[in-house]
Amino acid sequence: QVQLVESGGGLVQAGGSLRLSCAASGSILSINTMGWYRQAPGEQRELVAGITSGGITNYADSVKGRFTISRDNAKRTVHLQMNSLKPEDTAVYYCNLDERPWGSSSWGQGTQVTVSS
């Protein structure tokens, strides 16, 4: 059973920065993708950024140039550095570990990010 624990959310003014972290525990396949998704009230959950175990990254167009995803395979952690935050970045941010097709997709409990204008 995989467990994901997020930390680092909070309240910040527009233009500010936050760093989210996610620690994974349990039995994890070596080949996987870790990512951050977000869900605003009344909206669908969307991909923010992902990073493969080999270090290949992808970002939503809305966060390119502002957010940076990184991971430490030895520590089983993934981080999301969020700069130049905007009110529209306000959402619950979820960590995801995707081990498909050989395993499953696991989610953290979510952490609230609120950006005030």
PDB file of N, CA and C in Angstrom:
ATOM      1  N   GLN A   1       0.851  -1.203   0.000  1.00  0.00           N
ATOM      2  CA  GLN A   1       0.000   0.000   0.000  1.00  0.00           C
ATOM      3  C   GLN A   1       0.878   1.241   0.000  1.00  0.00           C
ATOM      4  N   VAL A   2       0.631   2.093  -0.979  1.00  0.00           N
ATOM      5  CA  VAL A   2       1.386   3.338  -1.093  1.00  0.00           C
ATOM      6  C   VAL A   2       0.686   4.440  -0.308  1.00  0.00           C
ATOM      7  N   GLN A   3       1.458   5.211   0.415  1.00  0.00           N
ATOM      8  CA  GLN A   3       0.926   6.393   1.100  1.00  0.00           C
ATOM      9  C   GLN A   3       1.669   7.631   0.627  1.00  0.00           C
ATOM     10  N   LEU A   4       0.931   8.686   0.385  1.00  0.00           N
ATOM     11  CA  LEU A   4       1.498   9.961  -0.036  1.00  0.00           C
ATOM     12  C   LEU A   4       1.076  11.023   0.960  1.00  0.00           C
ATOM     13  N   VAL A   5       2.050  11.762   1.475  1.00  0.00           N
ATOM     14  CA  VAL A   5       1.757  12.806   2.455  1.00  0.00           C
ATOM     15  C   VAL A   5       2.292  14.129   1.929  1.00  0.00           C
ATOM     16  N   GLU A   6       1.377  15.074   1.740  1.00  0.00           N
ATOM     17  CA  GLU A   6       1.744  16.398   1.219  1.00  0.00           C
ATOM     18  C   GLU A   6       1.959  17.383   2.357  1.00  0.00           C
ATOM     19  N   SER A   7       2.741  18.401   2.075  1.00  0.00           N
ATOM     20  CA  SER A   7       2.939  19.498   3.012  1.00  0.00           C
ATOM     21  C   SER A   7       3.309  20.745   2.226  1.00  0.00           C
ATOM     22  N   GLY A   8       3.167  21.898   2.875  1.00  0.00           N
ATOM     23  CA  GLY A   8       3.649  23.132   2.276  1.00  0.00           C
ATOM     24  C   GLY A   8       2.594  24.076   1.758  1.00  0.00           C
ATOM     25  N   GLY A   9       1.334  23.700   1.815  1.00  0.00           N
ATOM     26  CA  GLY A   9       0.303  24.622   1.354  1.00  0.00           C
ATOM     27  C   GLY A   9       0.123  25.771   2.319  1.00  0.00           C
ATOM     28  N   GLY A  10      -0.723  26.719   1.934  1.00  0.00           N
ATOM     29  CA  GLY A  10      -0.983  27.853   2.812  1.00  0.00           C
ATOM     30  C   GLY A  10      -1.555  29.030   2.066  1.00  0.00           C
ATOM     31  N   LEU A  11      -1.520  30.169   2.734  1.00  0.00           N
ATOM     32  CA  LEU A  11      -2.055  31.415   2.192  1.00  0.00           C
ATOM     33  C   LEU A  11      -0.896  32.324   1.818  1.00  0.00           C
ATOM     34  N   VAL A  12      -0.953  32.876   0.620  1.00  0.00           N
ATOM     35  CA  VAL A  12       0.116  33.757   0.149  1.00  0.00           C
ATOM     36  C   VAL A  12      -0.497  34.854  -0.706  1.00  0.00           C
ATOM     37  N   GLN A  13       0.150  35.992  -0.745  1.00  0.00           N
ATOM     38  CA  GLN A  13      -0.317  37.083  -1.594  1.00  0.00           C
ATOM     39  C   GLN A  13       0.103  36.843  -3.035  1.00  0.00           C
ATOM     40  N   ALA A  14      -0.652  37.430  -3.944  1.00  0.00           N
ATOM     41  CA  ALA A  14      -0.303  37.333  -5.354  1.00  0.00           C
ATOM     42  C   ALA A  14       1.124  37.814  -5.580  1.00  0.00           C
ATOM     43  N   GLY A  15       1.846  37.070  -6.407  1.00  0.00           N
ATOM     44  CA  GLY A  15       3.235  37.373  -6.655  1.00  0.00           C
ATOM     45  C   GLY A  15       4.193  36.627  -5.749  1.00  0.00           C
ATOM     46  N   GLY A  16       3.661  36.014  -4.719  1.00  0.00           N
ATOM     47  CA  GLY A  16       4.485  35.289  -3.767  1.00  0.00           C
ATOM     48  C   GLY A  16       4.817  33.874  -4.224  1.00  0.00           C
ATOM     49  N   SER A  17       5.461  33.149  -3.314  1.00  0.00           N
ATOM     50  CA  SER A  17       5.924  31.792  -3.629  1.00  0.00           C
ATOM     51  C   SER A  17       5.532  30.811  -2.533  1.00  0.00           C
ATOM     52  N   LEU A  18       5.362  29.576  -2.939  1.00  0.00           N
ATOM     53  CA  LEU A  18       5.165  28.470  -2.019  1.00  0.00           C
ATOM     54  C   LEU A  18       5.882  27.250  -2.575  1.00  0.00           C
ATOM     55  N   ARG A  19       6.258  26.359  -1.684  1.00  0.00           N
ATOM     56  CA  ARG A  19       6.888  25.101  -2.097  1.00  0.00           C
ATOM     57  C   ARG A  19       6.108  23.947  -1.476  1.00  0.00           C
ATOM     58  N   LEU A  20       5.571  23.112  -2.335  1.00  0.00           N
ATOM     59  CA  LEU A  20       4.853  21.931  -1.888  1.00  0.00           C
ATOM     60  C   LEU A  20       5.786  20.728  -1.906  1.00  0.00           C
ATOM     61  N   SER A  21       5.592  19.853  -0.932  1.00  0.00           N
ATOM     62  CA  SER A  21       6.382  18.630  -0.873  1.00  0.00           C
ATOM     63  C   SER A  21       5.453  17.442  -0.688  1.00  0.00           C
ATOM     64  N   CYS A  22       5.889  16.303  -1.197  1.00  0.00           N
ATOM     65  CA  CYS A  22       5.123  15.067  -1.063  1.00  0.00           C
ATOM     66  C   CYS A  22       6.094  13.935  -0.806  1.00  0.00           C
ATOM     67  N   ALA A  23       5.832  13.189   0.258  1.00  0.00           N
ATOM     68  CA  ALA A  23       6.676  12.046   0.606  1.00  0.00           C
ATOM     69  C   ALA A  23       5.893  10.763   0.400  1.00  0.00           C
ATOM     70  N   ALA A  24       6.499   9.834  -0.303  1.00  0.00           N
ATOM     71  CA  ALA A  24       5.855   8.556  -0.589  1.00  0.00           C
ATOM     72  C   ALA A  24       6.448   7.459   0.284  1.00  0.00           C
ATOM     73  N   SER A  25       5.593   6.555   0.721  1.00  0.00           N
ATOM     74  CA  SER A  25       6.048   5.408   1.501  1.00  0.00           C
ATOM     75  C   SER A  25       5.303   4.168   1.036  1.00  0.00           C
ATOM     76  N   GLY A  26       5.849   3.013   1.374  1.00  0.00           N
ATOM     77  CA  GLY A  26       5.236   1.762   0.965  1.00  0.00           C
ATOM     78  C   GLY A  26       6.024   1.106  -0.151  1.00  0.00           C
ATOM     79  N   SER A  27       5.417   0.120  -0.769  1.00  0.00           N
ATOM     80  CA  SER A  27       6.051  -0.618  -1.852  1.00  0.00           C
ATOM     81  C   SER A  27       5.826   0.122  -3.170  1.00  0.00           C
ATOM     82  N   ILE A  28       6.905   0.642  -3.739  1.00  0.00           N
ATOM     83  CA  ILE A  28       6.810   1.499  -4.930  1.00  0.00           C
ATOM     84  C   ILE A  28       7.670   0.930  -6.041  1.00  0.00           C
ATOM     85  N   LEU A  29       7.096   0.864  -7.232  1.00  0.00           N
ATOM     86  CA  LEU A  29       7.854   0.425  -8.391  1.00  0.00           C
ATOM     87  C   LEU A  29       8.888   1.471  -8.769  1.00  0.00           C
ATOM     88  N   SER A  30      10.012   1.020  -9.305  1.00  0.00           N
ATOM     89  CA  SER A  30      11.089   1.956  -9.631  1.00  0.00           C
ATOM     90  C   SER A  30      10.746   2.842 -10.823  1.00  0.00           C
ATOM     91  N   ILE A  31       9.882   2.336 -11.709  1.00  0.00           N
ATOM     92  CA  ILE A  31       9.467   3.128 -12.870  1.00  0.00           C
ATOM     93  C   ILE A  31       8.092   3.712 -12.570  1.00  0.00           C
ATOM     94  N   ASN A  32       8.034   5.023 -12.477  1.00  0.00           N
ATOM     95  CA  ASN A  32       6.760   5.661 -12.151  1.00  0.00           C
ATOM     96  C   ASN A  32       6.807   7.131 -12.532  1.00  0.00           C
ATOM     97  N   THR A  33       5.672   7.737 -12.452  1.00  0.00           N
ATOM     98  CA  THR A  33       5.564   9.183 -12.649  1.00  0.00           C
ATOM     99  C   THR A  33       4.933   9.787 -11.410  1.00  0.00           C
ATOM    100  N   MET A  34       5.540  10.837 -10.911  1.00  0.00           N
ATOM    101  CA  MET A  34       4.949  11.577  -9.795  1.00  0.00           C
ATOM    102  C   MET A  34       4.490  12.920 -10.318  1.00  0.00           C
ATOM    103  N   GLY A  35       3.398  13.381  -9.756  1.00  0.00           N
ATOM    104  CA  GLY A  35       2.862  14.630 -10.269  1.00  0.00           C
ATOM    105  C   GLY A  35       2.037  15.372  -9.253  1.00  0.00           C
ATOM    106  N   TRP A  36       1.715  16.593  -9.628  1.00  0.00           N
ATOM    107  CA  TRP A  36       0.836  17.438  -8.826  1.00  0.00           C
ATOM    108  C   TRP A  36      -0.386  17.793  -9.682  1.00  0.00           C
ATOM    109  N   TYR A  37      -1.531  17.625  -9.075  1.00  0.00           N
ATOM    110  CA  TYR A  37      -2.786  18.021  -9.679  1.00  0.00           C
ATOM    111  C   TYR A  37      -3.431  19.050  -8.765  1.00  0.00           C
ATOM    112  N   ARG A  38      -4.390  19.775  -9.301  1.00  0.00           N
ATOM    113  CA  ARG A  38      -5.124  20.714  -8.462  1.00  0.00           C
ATOM    114  C   ARG A  38      -6.596  20.723  -8.843  1.00  0.00           C
ATOM    115  N   GLN A  39      -7.379  21.080  -7.848  1.00  0.00           N
ATOM    116  CA  GLN A  39      -8.823  21.156  -8.066  1.00  0.00           C
ATOM    117  C   GLN A  39      -9.371  22.370  -7.340  1.00  0.00           C
ATOM    118  N   ALA A  40      -9.911  23.285  -8.124  1.00  0.00           N
ATOM    119  CA  ALA A  40     -10.558  24.468  -7.564  1.00  0.00           C
ATOM    120  C   ALA A  40     -12.038  24.165  -7.366  1.00  0.00           C
ATOM    121  N   PRO A  41     -12.714  24.911  -6.489  1.00  0.00           N
ATOM    122  CA  PRO A  41     -14.144  24.668  -6.249  1.00  0.00           C
ATOM    123  C   PRO A  41     -14.958  24.733  -7.544  1.00  0.00           C
ATOM    124  N   GLY A  42     -15.739  23.703  -7.764  1.00  0.00           N
ATOM    125  CA  GLY A  42     -16.586  23.661  -8.948  1.00  0.00           C
ATOM    126  C   GLY A  42     -15.870  23.289 -10.224  1.00  0.00           C
ATOM    127  N   GLU A  43     -14.592  22.974 -10.125  1.00  0.00           N
ATOM    128  CA  GLU A  43     -13.810  22.644 -11.312  1.00  0.00           C
ATOM    129  C   GLU A  43     -13.355  21.192 -11.255  1.00  0.00           C
ATOM    130  N   GLN A  44     -12.941  20.685 -12.411  1.00  0.00           N
ATOM    131  CA  GLN A  44     -12.380  19.341 -12.450  1.00  0.00           C
ATOM    132  C   GLN A  44     -10.921  19.366 -12.012  1.00  0.00           C
ATOM    133  N   ARG A  45     -10.479  18.242 -11.523  1.00  0.00           N
ATOM    134  CA  ARG A  45      -9.069  18.119 -11.162  1.00  0.00           C
ATOM    135  C   ARG A  45      -8.230  18.165 -12.432  1.00  0.00           C
ATOM    136  N   GLU A  46      -7.140  18.935 -12.388  1.00  0.00           N
ATOM    137  CA  GLU A  46      -6.296  19.084 -13.564  1.00  0.00           C
ATOM    138  C   GLU A  46      -4.834  18.859 -13.216  1.00  0.00           C
ATOM    139  N   LEU A  47      -4.093  18.390 -14.210  1.00  0.00           N
ATOM    140  CA  LEU A  47      -2.668  18.197 -14.035  1.00  0.00           C
ATOM    141  C   LEU A  47      -1.963  19.540 -13.998  1.00  0.00           C
ATOM    142  N   VAL A  48      -1.102  19.711 -13.011  1.00  0.00           N
ATOM    143  CA  VAL A  48      -0.272  20.908 -12.913  1.00  0.00           C
ATOM    144  C   VAL A  48       1.116  20.621 -13.479  1.00  0.00           C
ATOM    145  N   ALA A  49       1.722  19.555 -12.992  1.00  0.00           N
ATOM    146  CA  ALA A  49       3.069  19.189 -13.442  1.00  0.00           C
ATOM    147  C   ALA A  49       3.327  17.726 -13.114  1.00  0.00           C
ATOM    148  N   GLY A  50       4.148  17.086 -13.942  1.00  0.00           N
ATOM    149  CA  GLY A  50       4.524  15.708 -13.696  1.00  0.00           C
ATOM    150  C   GLY A  50       5.998  15.501 -13.977  1.00  0.00           C
ATOM    151  N   ILE A  51       6.555  14.464 -13.363  1.00  0.00           N
ATOM    152  CA  ILE A  51       7.963  14.147 -13.577  1.00  0.00           C
ATOM    153  C   ILE A  51       8.133  12.634 -13.495  1.00  0.00           C
ATOM    154  N   THR A  52       8.797  12.076 -14.499  1.00  0.00           N
ATOM    155  CA  THR A  52       9.017  10.637 -14.514  1.00  0.00           C
ATOM    156  C   THR A  52      10.200  10.276 -13.612  1.00  0.00           C
ATOM    157  N   SER A  53      10.340   8.989 -13.356  1.00  0.00           N
ATOM    158  CA  SER A  53      11.468   8.540 -12.541  1.00  0.00           C
ATOM    159  C   SER A  53      12.795   8.821 -13.247  1.00  0.00           C
ATOM    160  N   GLY A  54      12.748   9.043 -14.553  1.00  0.00           N
ATOM    161  CA  GLY A  54      13.944   9.405 -15.305  1.00  0.00           C
ATOM    162  C   GLY A  54      14.182  10.890 -15.393  1.00  0.00           C
ATOM    163  N   GLY A  55      13.266  11.678 -14.822  1.00  0.00           N
ATOM    164  CA  GLY A  55      13.463  13.113 -14.763  1.00  0.00           C
ATOM    165  C   GLY A  55      12.813  13.924 -15.868  1.00  0.00           C
ATOM    166  N   ILE A  56      12.004  13.304 -16.695  1.00  0.00           N
ATOM    167  CA  ILE A  56      11.305  14.034 -17.750  1.00  0.00           C
ATOM    168  C   ILE A  56      10.102  14.746 -17.141  1.00  0.00           C
ATOM    169  N   THR A  57       9.975  16.027 -17.441  1.00  0.00           N
ATOM    170  CA  THR A  57       8.916  16.834 -16.834  1.00  0.00           C
ATOM    171  C   THR A  57       7.910  17.302 -17.879  1.00  0.00           C
ATOM    172  N   ASN A  58       6.728  17.592 -17.405  1.00  0.00           N
ATOM    173  CA  ASN A  58       5.727  18.254 -18.235  1.00  0.00           C
ATOM    174  C   ASN A  58       4.899  19.162 -17.345  1.00  0.00           C
ATOM    175  N   TYR A  59       4.410  20.245 -17.941  1.00  0.00           N
ATOM    176  CA  TYR A  59       3.694  21.261 -17.180  1.00  0.00           C
ATOM    177  C   TYR A  59       2.417  21.674 -17.916  1.00  0.00           C
ATOM    178  N   ALA A  60       1.449  22.075 -17.143  1.00  0.00           N
ATOM    179  CA  ALA A  60       0.277  22.723 -17.726  1.00  0.00           C
ATOM    180  C   ALA A  60       0.718  24.071 -18.284  1.00  0.00           C
ATOM    181  N   ASP A  61       0.122  24.480 -19.382  1.00  0.00           N
ATOM    182  CA  ASP A  61       0.502  25.755 -19.997  1.00  0.00           C
ATOM    183  C   ASP A  61       0.358  26.917 -19.026  1.00  0.00           C
ATOM    184  N   SER A  62      -0.626  26.835 -18.149  1.00  0.00           N
ATOM    185  CA  SER A  62      -0.911  27.942 -17.233  1.00  0.00           C
ATOM    186  C   SER A  62       0.174  28.161 -16.182  1.00  0.00           C
ATOM    187  N   VAL A  63       1.047  27.176 -15.989  1.00  0.00           N
ATOM    188  CA  VAL A  63       2.070  27.316 -14.941  1.00  0.00           C
ATOM    189  C   VAL A  63       3.495  27.311 -15.498  1.00  0.00           C
ATOM    190  N   LYS A  64       3.627  27.119 -16.792  1.00  0.00           N
ATOM    191  CA  LYS A  64       4.964  27.096 -17.392  1.00  0.00           C
ATOM    192  C   LYS A  64       5.694  28.398 -17.122  1.00  0.00           C
ATOM    193  N   GLY A  65       6.945  28.285 -16.697  1.00  0.00           N
ATOM    194  CA  GLY A  65       7.750  29.453 -16.405  1.00  0.00           C
ATOM    195  C   GLY A  65       7.588  29.963 -14.984  1.00  0.00           C
ATOM    196  N   ARG A  66       6.587  29.458 -14.271  1.00  0.00           N
ATOM    197  CA  ARG A  66       6.356  29.899 -12.895  1.00  0.00           C
ATOM    198  C   ARG A  66       6.561  28.775 -11.883  1.00  0.00           C
ATOM    199  N   PHE A  67       6.198  27.557 -12.268  1.00  0.00           N
ATOM    200  CA  PHE A  67       6.295  26.406 -11.364  1.00  0.00           C
ATOM    201  C   PHE A  67       7.417  25.490 -11.836  1.00  0.00           C
ATOM    202  N   THR A  68       8.058  24.849 -10.864  1.00  0.00           N
ATOM    203  CA  THR A  68       9.101  23.872 -11.168  1.00  0.00           C
ATOM    204  C   THR A  68       8.885  22.623 -10.328  1.00  0.00           C
ATOM    205  N   ILE A  69       8.831  21.487 -11.004  1.00  0.00           N
ATOM    206  CA  ILE A  69       8.677  20.214 -10.298  1.00  0.00           C
ATOM    207  C   ILE A  69      10.034  19.519 -10.237  1.00  0.00           C
ATOM    208  N   SER A  70      10.293  18.867  -9.113  1.00  0.00           N
ATOM    209  CA  SER A  70      11.535  18.120  -8.953  1.00  0.00           C
ATOM    210  C   SER A  70      11.266  16.911  -8.077  1.00  0.00           C
ATOM    211  N   ARG A  71      12.172  15.951  -8.119  1.00  0.00           N
ATOM    212  CA  ARG A  71      11.993  14.768  -7.292  1.00  0.00           C
ATOM    213  C   ARG A  71      13.335  14.243  -6.833  1.00  0.00           C
ATOM    214  N   ASP A  72      13.289  13.523  -5.720  1.00  0.00           N
ATOM    215  CA  ASP A  72      14.463  12.847  -5.189  1.00  0.00           C
ATOM    216  C   ASP A  72      14.087  11.376  -5.078  1.00  0.00           C
ATOM    217  N   ASN A  73      14.577  10.558  -5.990  1.00  0.00           N
ATOM    218  CA  ASN A  73      14.174   9.150  -6.009  1.00  0.00           C
ATOM    219  C   ASN A  73      14.632   8.415  -4.756  1.00  0.00           C
ATOM    220  N   ALA A  74      15.795   8.748  -4.256  1.00  0.00           N
ATOM    221  CA  ALA A  74      16.311   8.067  -3.066  1.00  0.00           C
ATOM    222  C   ALA A  74      15.437   8.362  -1.847  1.00  0.00           C
ATOM    223  N   LYS A  75      14.958   9.595  -1.745  1.00  0.00           N
ATOM    224  CA  LYS A  75      14.127   9.996  -0.605  1.00  0.00           C
ATOM    225  C   LYS A  75      12.638   9.776  -0.872  1.00  0.00           C
ATOM    226  N   ARG A  76      12.321   9.417  -2.113  1.00  0.00           N
ATOM    227  CA  ARG A  76      10.912   9.187  -2.491  1.00  0.00           C
ATOM    228  C   ARG A  76      10.076  10.441  -2.263  1.00  0.00           C
ATOM    229  N   THR A  77      10.611  11.548  -2.671  1.00  0.00           N
ATOM    230  CA  THR A  77       9.885  12.811  -2.515  1.00  0.00           C
ATOM    231  C   THR A  77       9.745  13.533  -3.852  1.00  0.00           C
ATOM    232  N   VAL A  78       8.710  14.328  -3.943  1.00  0.00           N
ATOM    233  CA  VAL A  78       8.511  15.198  -5.095  1.00  0.00           C
ATOM    234  C   VAL A  78       8.124  16.572  -4.562  1.00  0.00           C
ATOM    235  N   HIS A  79       8.622  17.595  -5.237  1.00  0.00           N
ATOM    236  CA  HIS A  79       8.400  18.962  -4.789  1.00  0.00           C
ATOM    237  C   HIS A  79       7.842  19.794  -5.930  1.00  0.00           C
ATOM    238  N   LEU A  80       7.100  20.824  -5.552  1.00  0.00           N
ATOM    239  CA  LEU A  80       6.591  21.767  -6.541  1.00  0.00           C
ATOM    240  C   LEU A  80       6.900  23.165  -6.037  1.00  0.00           C
ATOM    241  N   GLN A  81       7.851  23.813  -6.689  1.00  0.00           N
ATOM    242  CA  GLN A  81       8.173  25.195  -6.368  1.00  0.00           C
ATOM    243  C   GLN A  81       7.267  26.096  -7.192  1.00  0.00           C
ATOM    244  N   MET A  82       6.471  26.899  -6.508  1.00  0.00           N
ATOM    245  CA  MET A  82       5.493  27.753  -7.177  1.00  0.00           C
ATOM    246  C   MET A  82       5.869  29.207  -6.949  1.00  0.00           C
ATOM    247  N   ASN A  83       6.226  29.895  -8.013  1.00  0.00           N
ATOM    248  CA  ASN A  83       6.591  31.305  -7.955  1.00  0.00           C
ATOM    249  C   ASN A  83       5.566  32.148  -8.713  1.00  0.00           C
ATOM    250  N   SER A  84       5.607  33.433  -8.469  1.00  0.00           N
ATOM    251  CA  SER A  84       4.700  34.369  -9.157  1.00  0.00           C
ATOM    252  C   SER A  84       3.258  33.873  -9.103  1.00  0.00           C
ATOM    253  N   LEU A  85       2.832  33.494  -7.924  1.00  0.00           N
ATOM    254  CA  LEU A  85       1.498  32.924  -7.767  1.00  0.00           C
ATOM    255  C   LEU A  85       0.417  33.940  -8.085  1.00  0.00           C
ATOM    256  N   LYS A  86      -0.665  33.422  -8.652  1.00  0.00           N
ATOM    257  CA  LYS A  86      -1.803  34.240  -9.041  1.00  0.00           C
ATOM    258  C   LYS A  86      -3.043  33.756  -8.297  1.00  0.00           C
ATOM    259  N   PRO A  87      -4.039  34.622  -8.136  1.00  0.00           N
ATOM    260  CA  PRO A  87      -5.275  34.179  -7.473  1.00  0.00           C
ATOM    261  C   PRO A  87      -5.886  32.946  -8.152  1.00  0.00           C
ATOM    262  N   GLU A  88      -5.740  32.824  -9.451  1.00  0.00           N
ATOM    263  CA  GLU A  88      -6.306  31.667 -10.150  1.00  0.00           C
ATOM    264  C   GLU A  88      -5.558  30.363  -9.871  1.00  0.00           C
ATOM    265  N   ASP A  89      -4.446  30.437  -9.146  1.00  0.00           N
ATOM    266  CA  ASP A  89      -3.750  29.225  -8.713  1.00  0.00           C
ATOM    267  C   ASP A  89      -4.379  28.642  -7.448  1.00  0.00           C
ATOM    268  N   THR A  90      -5.317  29.360  -6.872  1.00  0.00           N
ATOM    269  CA  THR A  90      -5.988  28.888  -5.660  1.00  0.00           C
ATOM    270  C   THR A  90      -6.717  27.578  -5.927  1.00  0.00           C
ATOM    271  N   ALA A  91      -6.402  26.564  -5.122  1.00  0.00           N
ATOM    272  CA  ALA A  91      -6.995  25.238  -5.299  1.00  0.00           C
ATOM    273  C   ALA A  91      -6.470  24.312  -4.217  1.00  0.00           C
ATOM    274  N   VAL A  92      -7.048  23.131  -4.155  1.00  0.00           N
ATOM    275  CA  VAL A  92      -6.458  22.054  -3.374  1.00  0.00           C
ATOM    276  C   VAL A  92      -5.494  21.319  -4.296  1.00  0.00           C
ATOM    277  N   TYR A  93      -4.268  21.171  -3.854  1.00  0.00           N
ATOM    278  CA  TYR A  93      -3.238  20.520  -4.646  1.00  0.00           C
ATOM    279  C   TYR A  93      -3.030  19.093  -4.144  1.00  0.00           C
ATOM    280  N   TYR A  94      -3.036  18.155  -5.081  1.00  0.00           N
ATOM    281  CA  TYR A  94      -2.910  16.744  -4.758  1.00  0.00           C
ATOM    282  C   TYR A  94      -1.642  16.155  -5.372  1.00  0.00           C
ATOM    283  N   CYS A  95      -0.956  15.368  -4.586  1.00  0.00           N
ATOM    284  CA  CYS A  95       0.192  14.613  -5.066  1.00  0.00           C
ATOM    285  C   CYS A  95      -0.308  13.293  -5.650  1.00  0.00           C
ATOM    286  N   ASN A  96       0.306  12.879  -6.735  1.00  0.00           N
ATOM    287  CA  ASN A  96      -0.071  11.625  -7.383  1.00  0.00           C
ATOM    288  C   ASN A  96       1.163  10.804  -7.709  1.00  0.00           C
ATOM    289  N   LEU A  97       1.045   9.504  -7.486  1.00  0.00           N
ATOM    290  CA  LEU A  97       2.073   8.549  -7.883  1.00  0.00           C
ATOM    291  C   LEU A  97       1.423   7.558  -8.843  1.00  0.00           C
ATOM    292  N   ASP A  98       1.912   7.556 -10.083  1.00  0.00           N
ATOM    293  CA  ASP A  98       1.317   6.719 -11.111  1.00  0.00           C
ATOM    294  C   ASP A  98       2.285   5.599 -11.474  1.00  0.00           C
ATOM    295  N   GLU A  99       1.915   4.363 -11.165  1.00  0.00           N
ATOM    296  CA  GLU A  99       2.764   3.211 -11.449  1.00  0.00           C
ATOM    297  C   GLU A  99       2.161   2.331 -12.551  1.00  0.00           C
ATOM    298  N   ARG A 100       1.165   2.858 -13.233  1.00  0.00           N
ATOM    299  CA  ARG A 100       0.549   2.063 -14.286  1.00  0.00           C
ATOM    300  C   ARG A 100       1.481   1.917 -15.477  1.00  0.00           C
ATOM    301  N   PRO A 101       1.450   0.881 -16.255  1.00  0.00           N
ATOM    302  CA  PRO A 101       0.437  -0.177 -16.212  1.00  0.00           C
ATOM    303  C   PRO A 101       0.758  -1.323 -15.251  1.00  0.00           C
ATOM    304  N   TRP A 102       1.970  -1.297 -14.673  1.00  0.00           N
ATOM    305  CA  TRP A 102       2.319  -2.432 -13.820  1.00  0.00           C
ATOM    306  C   TRP A 102       1.769  -2.323 -12.403  1.00  0.00           C
ATOM    307  N   GLY A 103       1.382  -1.114 -12.023  1.00  0.00           N
ATOM    308  CA  GLY A 103       0.851  -0.885 -10.686  1.00  0.00           C
ATOM    309  C   GLY A 103      -0.385   0.002 -10.760  1.00  0.00           C
ATOM    310  N   SER A 104      -0.614   0.748  -9.713  1.00  0.00           N
ATOM    311  CA  SER A 104      -1.826   1.572  -9.632  1.00  0.00           C
ATOM    312  C   SER A 104      -1.469   3.053  -9.543  1.00  0.00           C
ATOM    313  N   SER A 105      -2.509   3.864  -9.472  1.00  0.00           N
ATOM    314  CA  SER A 105      -2.362   5.307  -9.298  1.00  0.00           C
ATOM    315  C   SER A 105      -2.817   5.656  -7.890  1.00  0.00           C
ATOM    316  N   SER A 106      -1.963   6.356  -7.140  1.00  0.00           N
ATOM    317  CA  SER A 106      -2.253   6.683  -5.750  1.00  0.00           C
ATOM    318  C   SER A 106      -2.284   8.187  -5.560  1.00  0.00           C
ATOM    319  N   TRP A 107      -3.096   8.625  -4.584  1.00  0.00           N
ATOM    320  CA  TRP A 107      -3.288  10.047  -4.327  1.00  0.00           C
ATOM    321  C   TRP A 107      -3.014  10.399  -2.876  1.00  0.00           C
ATOM    322  N   GLY A 108      -2.511  11.599  -2.674  1.00  0.00           N
ATOM    323  CA  GLY A 108      -2.398  12.141  -1.340  1.00  0.00           C
ATOM    324  C   GLY A 108      -3.716  12.745  -0.909  1.00  0.00           C
ATOM    325  N   GLN A 109      -3.734  13.284   0.296  1.00  0.00           N
ATOM    326  CA  GLN A 109      -4.981  13.808   0.856  1.00  0.00           C
ATOM    327  C   GLN A 109      -5.280  15.225   0.392  1.00  0.00           C
ATOM    328  N   GLY A 110      -4.297  15.884  -0.181  1.00  0.00           N
ATOM    329  CA  GLY A 110      -4.483  17.239  -0.684  1.00  0.00           C
ATOM    330  C   GLY A 110      -4.033  18.288   0.301  1.00  0.00           C
ATOM    331  N   THR A 111      -3.562  19.405  -0.235  1.00  0.00           N
ATOM    332  CA  THR A 111      -3.160  20.540   0.591  1.00  0.00           C
ATOM    333  C   THR A 111      -3.686  21.815  -0.064  1.00  0.00           C
ATOM    334  N   GLN A 112      -4.236  22.688   0.757  1.00  0.00           N
ATOM    335  CA  GLN A 112      -4.879  23.902   0.244  1.00  0.00           C
ATOM    336  C   GLN A 112      -3.841  24.978  -0.053  1.00  0.00           C
ATOM    337  N   VAL A 113      -3.954  25.551  -1.229  1.00  0.00           N
ATOM    338  CA  VAL A 113      -3.160  26.722  -1.603  1.00  0.00           C
ATOM    339  C   VAL A 113      -4.131  27.849  -1.908  1.00  0.00           C
ATOM    340  N   THR A 114      -3.978  28.956  -1.201  1.00  0.00           N
ATOM    341  CA  THR A 114      -4.850  30.112  -1.409  1.00  0.00           C
ATOM    342  C   THR A 114      -3.984  31.320  -1.725  1.00  0.00           C
ATOM    343  N   VAL A 115      -4.267  31.951  -2.854  1.00  0.00           N
ATOM    344  CA  VAL A 115      -3.516  33.127  -3.279  1.00  0.00           C
ATOM    345  C   VAL A 115      -4.466  34.320  -3.246  1.00  0.00           C
ATOM    346  N   SER A 116      -4.136  35.291  -2.410  1.00  0.00           N
ATOM    347  CA  SER A 116      -4.992  36.475  -2.288  1.00  0.00           C
ATOM    348  C   SER A 116      -4.524  37.570  -3.231  1.00  0.00           C
ATOM    349  N   SER A 117      -5.483  38.358  -3.696  1.00  0.00           N
ATOM    350  CA  SER A 117      -5.152  39.427  -4.651  1.00  0.00           C
ATOM    351  C   SER A 117      -4.830  40.723  -3.939  1.00  0.00           C
TER     352      SER A 117
END
